Amino acid sequence: MKMKYLYILAVIGLFTACKKDFDGRTTESVGTENKAFIRFVPGSVGAARNFISVDGALLNGTPLAMGGIFPGASTVTAFATITPGARTLRVFDSAAVPMQTPLSISATFDAGKFYSVYTYDTSNAVKALIQNDVFTIPSDSTANVKFVNIIYSSSAIPNVDLYSRRKRANIASNIAPLGSSNYIPHLTGLTDTLEVRSTGTTTALAVFNGHTFNAKRTYNVVFRGRYQSTAGTMSRGITIMATY
């Protein structure tokens, strides 16, 4: 009987030693070593029923519309894990009569790195932007905020700023379409309203009310949709997601 108890304790100790905490960036689990981390944000105008697969294996079980996030916006489920290396991603509309042209992307994902896959443009010309999110945990009470501009327009449009009403200043300035800022320190613990503005103006193109950034956390703020649309499924808007 004594040997049986010792065996049980040894097994528990083995599992505890193998369990690694990824600081909330993925669900805590065994076996996430030597993995790459990935998430998907459909941003092509009017996107609906979107799925993404890696080498033919589905990542999301629930279809996503424009501005959705897989796996989710929270810190616990911010990224999914995939085997690193050269991979083929496929983004497609799951309807029997799809409204969106499928997109295939070949890319290489490195172990231990965090990737965001954004789609953009129109339903018959979907394209993808893959970014490696490189960030550090703030050492003070601030949050890190990165601004990503995937807005679509068939004609020339101005660069944009990300403005904080609480801060009364820009978080990021002069970001071109398909451009992004670095991770920038921002105040935390207070309800904020974010505006995307044409660079150098006070005209709000999109507004996100009532968001609170948490200390020592990292966020991506995404401007997406059709620049000229202010209502409907193609409307320009803001998506906020936790990275850590």
Protein backbone atom coordinates (compact mmCIF):
# COMPACT_ATOMS: atom_id res chain seq x y z
CA MET A 1 0.00 0.00 0.00
CA LYS A 2 2.85 2.36 0.84
CA MET A 3 4.41 1.75 -2.57
CA LYS A 4 1.06 2.50 -4.22
CA TYR A 5 0.88 5.93 -2.54
CA LEU A 6 4.46 6.69 -3.52
CA TYR A 7 3.66 5.82 -7.14
CA ILE A 8 0.63 8.16 -7.17
CA LEU A 9 2.68 11.02 -5.72
CA ALA A 10 5.39 10.47 -8.32
CA VAL A 11 2.88 10.63 -11.17
CA ILE A 12 1.36 13.85 -9.80
CA GLY A 13 4.82 15.36 -9.51
CA LEU A 14 5.63 14.40 -13.11
CA PHE A 15 2.52 16.14 -14.50
CA THR A 16 3.18 19.24 -12.40
CA ALA A 17 6.74 19.46 -13.69
CA CYS A 18 5.61 19.15 -17.32
CA LYS A 19 2.90 21.80 -17.07
CA LYS A 20 3.98 25.20 -18.38
CA ASP A 21 2.16 28.48 -17.83
CA PHE A 22 2.22 30.72 -20.93
CA ASP A 23 1.16 33.81 -18.97
CA GLY A 24 -2.45 33.47 -20.04
CA ARG A 25 -1.70 33.64 -23.77
CA THR A 26 -3.06 30.14 -24.35
CA THR A 27 -5.05 27.68 -22.33
CA GLU A 28 -2.62 26.20 -19.82
CA SER A 29 -1.78 22.70 -21.02
CA VAL A 30 0.89 20.06 -21.37
CA GLY A 31 2.69 19.90 -24.71
CA THR A 32 2.78 23.57 -25.81
CA GLU A 33 6.57 23.56 -25.94
CA ASN A 34 7.94 23.76 -29.49
CA LYS A 35 4.68 25.21 -30.80
CA ALA A 36 3.84 28.37 -32.73
CA PHE A 37 0.89 30.50 -31.66
CA ILE A 38 -1.75 31.80 -34.07
CA ARG A 39 -5.02 33.72 -34.14
CA PHE A 40 -7.34 34.80 -36.95
CA VAL A 41 -9.21 38.07 -37.53
CA PRO A 42 -11.46 38.18 -40.64
CA GLY A 43 -11.39 41.75 -41.92
CA SER A 44 -12.43 41.47 -45.57
CA VAL A 45 -15.50 43.62 -46.13
CA GLY A 46 -18.74 41.77 -45.49
CA ALA A 47 -16.92 38.62 -44.34
CA ALA A 48 -19.30 35.97 -42.96
CA ARG A 49 -19.17 32.25 -42.18
CA ASN A 50 -15.36 32.33 -42.33
CA PHE A 51 -13.27 29.33 -41.41
CA ILE A 52 -9.50 28.98 -41.34
CA SER A 53 -7.57 25.72 -41.72
CA VAL A 54 -3.90 24.81 -41.34
CA ASP A 55 -2.71 22.10 -43.74
CA GLY A 56 -6.34 21.04 -44.15
CA ALA A 57 -7.17 20.86 -40.43
CA LEU A 58 -9.82 23.33 -39.25
CA LEU A 59 -8.80 25.75 -36.52
CA ASN A 60 -12.17 27.32 -35.65
CA GLY A 61 -15.30 25.28 -35.03
CA THR A 62 -17.65 28.28 -35.24
CA PRO A 63 -17.73 30.48 -38.37
CA LEU A 64 -16.63 34.09 -38.00
CA ALA A 65 -17.91 37.36 -39.48
CA MET A 66 -15.89 40.50 -40.15
CA GLY A 67 -14.34 41.77 -36.94
CA GLY A 68 -14.59 38.41 -35.18
CA ILE A 69 -11.61 36.80 -33.47
CA PHE A 70 -10.43 33.21 -33.21
CA PRO A 71 -9.79 31.81 -30.64
CA GLY A 72 -11.16 34.84 -28.75
CA ALA A 73 -10.52 38.30 -27.34
CA SER A 74 -9.60 37.25 -23.80
CA THR A 75 -6.11 36.64 -22.45
CA VAL A 76 -6.87 33.00 -21.66
CA THR A 77 -7.79 32.02 -25.21
CA ALA A 78 -5.87 34.60 -27.20
CA PHE A 79 -3.95 32.14 -29.38
CA ALA A 80 -4.21 28.58 -30.70
CA THR A 81 -1.15 26.36 -31.02
CA ILE A 82 0.14 24.86 -34.26
CA THR A 83 3.21 22.85 -35.23
CA PRO A 84 5.91 25.29 -36.37
CA GLY A 85 7.41 25.27 -39.85
CA ALA A 86 6.10 25.85 -43.37
CA ARG A 87 2.30 25.69 -43.33
CA THR A 88 -0.55 26.29 -45.75
CA LEU A 89 -3.45 28.35 -44.41
CA ARG A 90 -6.83 28.39 -46.12
CA VAL A 91 -9.55 30.94 -45.39
CA PHE A 92 -12.98 30.24 -46.86
CA ASP A 93 -16.69 30.95 -46.70
CA SER A 94 -18.54 27.84 -45.52
CA ALA A 95 -21.84 28.55 -47.29
CA ALA A 96 -23.08 26.07 -49.90
CA VAL A 97 -22.97 28.96 -52.37
CA PRO A 98 -20.00 30.96 -51.01
CA MET A 99 -20.04 34.72 -51.29
CA GLN A 100 -16.30 34.92 -50.71
CA THR A 101 -13.45 33.62 -52.86
CA PRO A 102 -11.29 31.16 -50.84
CA LEU A 103 -7.76 32.23 -50.03
CA SER A 104 -4.70 30.01 -49.63
CA ILE A 105 -1.53 31.33 -47.98
CA SER A 106 1.85 29.65 -47.58
CA ALA A 107 3.84 30.90 -44.61
CA THR A 108 6.48 29.79 -42.14
CA PHE A 109 5.75 29.93 -38.40
CA ASP A 110 8.57 29.78 -35.86
CA ALA A 111 8.34 27.96 -32.56
CA GLY A 112 7.59 30.20 -29.59
CA LYS A 113 6.38 33.13 -31.71
CA PHE A 114 2.91 34.71 -31.78
CA TYR A 115 1.16 35.42 -35.09
CA SER A 116 -1.98 37.35 -36.00
CA VAL A 117 -3.57 36.58 -39.39
CA TYR A 118 -5.79 39.39 -40.71
CA THR A 119 -7.79 39.16 -43.93
CA TYR A 120 -8.72 42.33 -45.78
CA ASP A 121 -9.97 43.73 -49.13
CA THR A 122 -13.23 42.53 -50.76
CA SER A 123 -15.03 39.18 -50.87
CA ASN A 124 -13.83 38.42 -54.40
CA ALA A 125 -10.24 39.56 -53.78
CA VAL A 126 -9.48 38.47 -50.22
CA LYS A 127 -5.89 38.98 -49.10
CA ALA A 128 -4.03 38.27 -45.87
CA LEU A 129 -1.67 40.17 -43.62
CA ILE A 130 0.35 38.00 -41.22
CA GLN A 131 2.10 39.79 -38.37
CA ASN A 132 4.46 38.42 -35.75
CA ASP A 133 3.36 40.10 -32.50
CA VAL A 134 6.57 40.86 -30.61
CA PHE A 135 5.92 42.29 -27.16
CA THR A 136 7.19 42.45 -23.61
CA ILE A 137 5.23 42.55 -20.36
CA PRO A 138 5.11 46.15 -19.02
CA SER A 139 7.18 46.57 -15.88
CA ASP A 140 4.99 49.41 -14.56
CA SER A 141 1.21 50.01 -14.36
CA THR A 142 0.75 50.71 -18.09
CA ALA A 143 -0.63 48.52 -20.88
CA ASN A 144 0.89 47.94 -24.32
CA VAL A 145 -1.31 48.96 -27.27
CA LYS A 146 -0.63 48.25 -30.94
CA PHE A 147 -2.76 49.82 -33.68
CA VAL A 148 -3.33 47.86 -36.91
CA ASN A 149 -4.98 49.49 -39.95
CA ILE A 150 -6.61 47.00 -42.37
CA ILE A 151 -9.36 49.35 -43.60
CA TYR A 152 -10.35 48.89 -47.26
CA SER A 153 -11.02 51.47 -49.95
CA SER A 154 -10.97 51.27 -53.76
CA SER A 155 -9.81 54.90 -53.86
CA ALA A 156 -7.07 56.81 -52.07
CA ILE A 157 -7.74 57.46 -48.39
CA PRO A 158 -5.81 59.32 -45.69
CA ASN A 159 -3.64 57.78 -43.01
CA VAL A 160 -5.26 57.58 -39.59
CA ASP A 161 -4.58 58.19 -35.89
CA LEU A 162 -5.80 56.22 -32.88
CA TYR A 163 -7.01 58.77 -30.31
CA SER A 164 -7.76 58.24 -26.61
CA ARG A 165 -10.36 60.54 -25.07
CA ARG A 166 -9.15 59.63 -21.58
CA LYS A 167 -5.56 60.50 -22.44
CA ARG A 168 -6.63 63.43 -24.64
CA ALA A 169 -3.92 62.47 -27.07
CA ASN A 170 -3.12 60.02 -29.82
CA ILE A 171 -1.98 56.54 -28.93
CA ALA A 172 -0.69 56.01 -32.48
CA SER A 173 -0.32 58.52 -35.31
CA ASN A 174 -0.21 58.56 -39.11
CA ILE A 175 -0.78 54.85 -39.74
CA ALA A 176 -1.23 54.00 -43.42
CA PRO A 177 -3.59 51.30 -44.74
CA LEU A 178 -2.02 47.87 -44.01
CA GLY A 179 0.35 49.61 -41.61
CA SER A 180 0.68 49.21 -37.86
CA SER A 181 2.31 50.91 -34.92
CA ASN A 182 4.73 49.46 -32.42
CA TYR A 183 3.39 48.47 -29.01
CA ILE A 184 2.93 51.76 -27.18
CA PRO A 185 2.48 52.30 -23.40
CA HIS A 186 -1.01 53.47 -22.45
CA LEU A 187 -2.86 54.30 -19.23
CA THR A 188 -4.87 51.61 -17.45
CA GLY A 189 -7.68 51.13 -14.96
CA LEU A 190 -9.93 53.85 -16.39
CA THR A 191 -12.81 53.54 -18.84
CA ASP A 192 -11.65 54.93 -22.15
CA THR A 193 -13.25 55.84 -25.48
CA LEU A 194 -11.11 55.25 -28.55
CA GLU A 195 -11.49 57.06 -31.86
CA VAL A 196 -9.92 56.41 -35.23
CA ARG A 197 -9.39 59.79 -36.88
CA SER A 198 -8.06 60.97 -40.23
CA THR A 199 -4.50 62.00 -39.45
CA GLY A 200 -4.22 65.53 -38.15
CA THR A 201 -7.99 66.04 -37.75
CA THR A 202 -10.57 65.69 -34.98
CA THR A 203 -13.05 63.86 -37.23
CA ALA A 204 -13.92 60.44 -35.79
CA LEU A 205 -14.19 57.73 -38.44
CA ALA A 206 -14.96 55.01 -35.88
CA VAL A 207 -15.58 55.04 -32.12
CA PHE A 208 -15.21 52.34 -29.47
CA ASN A 209 -16.86 53.27 -26.17
CA GLY A 210 -16.26 51.98 -22.68
CA HIS A 211 -13.05 49.98 -22.89
CA THR A 212 -10.72 49.58 -19.92
CA PHE A 213 -7.11 48.54 -20.50
CA ASN A 214 -5.63 46.45 -17.72
CA ALA A 215 -2.17 46.99 -16.24
CA LYS A 216 0.71 44.84 -17.50
CA ARG A 217 -1.39 43.62 -20.42
CA THR A 218 -0.96 43.89 -24.19
CA TYR A 219 -3.65 44.69 -26.77
CA ASN A 220 -4.09 44.99 -30.54
CA VAL A 221 -6.61 47.61 -31.74
CA VAL A 222 -7.74 46.98 -35.32
CA PHE A 223 -9.41 49.41 -37.75
CA ARG A 224 -11.32 47.31 -40.29
CA GLY A 225 -14.21 47.36 -42.79
CA ARG A 226 -14.95 49.53 -45.80
CA TYR A 227 -13.78 53.11 -45.34
CA GLN A 228 -16.84 54.64 -46.98
CA SER A 229 -19.41 52.49 -45.09
CA THR A 230 -20.83 53.72 -41.80
CA ALA A 231 -23.61 51.12 -41.41
CA GLY A 232 -24.32 47.50 -42.34
CA THR A 233 -22.12 44.41 -42.59
CA MET A 234 -19.31 46.27 -44.38
CA SER A 235 -19.21 49.18 -41.95
CA ARG A 236 -15.86 50.48 -40.76
CA GLY A 237 -15.23 49.80 -37.10
CA ILE A 238 -12.79 48.95 -34.33
CA THR A 239 -11.88 45.54 -32.91
CA ILE A 240 -9.91 45.27 -29.66
CA MET A 241 -8.22 42.02 -28.68
CA ALA A 242 -5.91 40.97 -25.91
CA THR A 243 -2.52 39.62 -26.95
CA TYR A 244 -1.31 38.90 -23.42
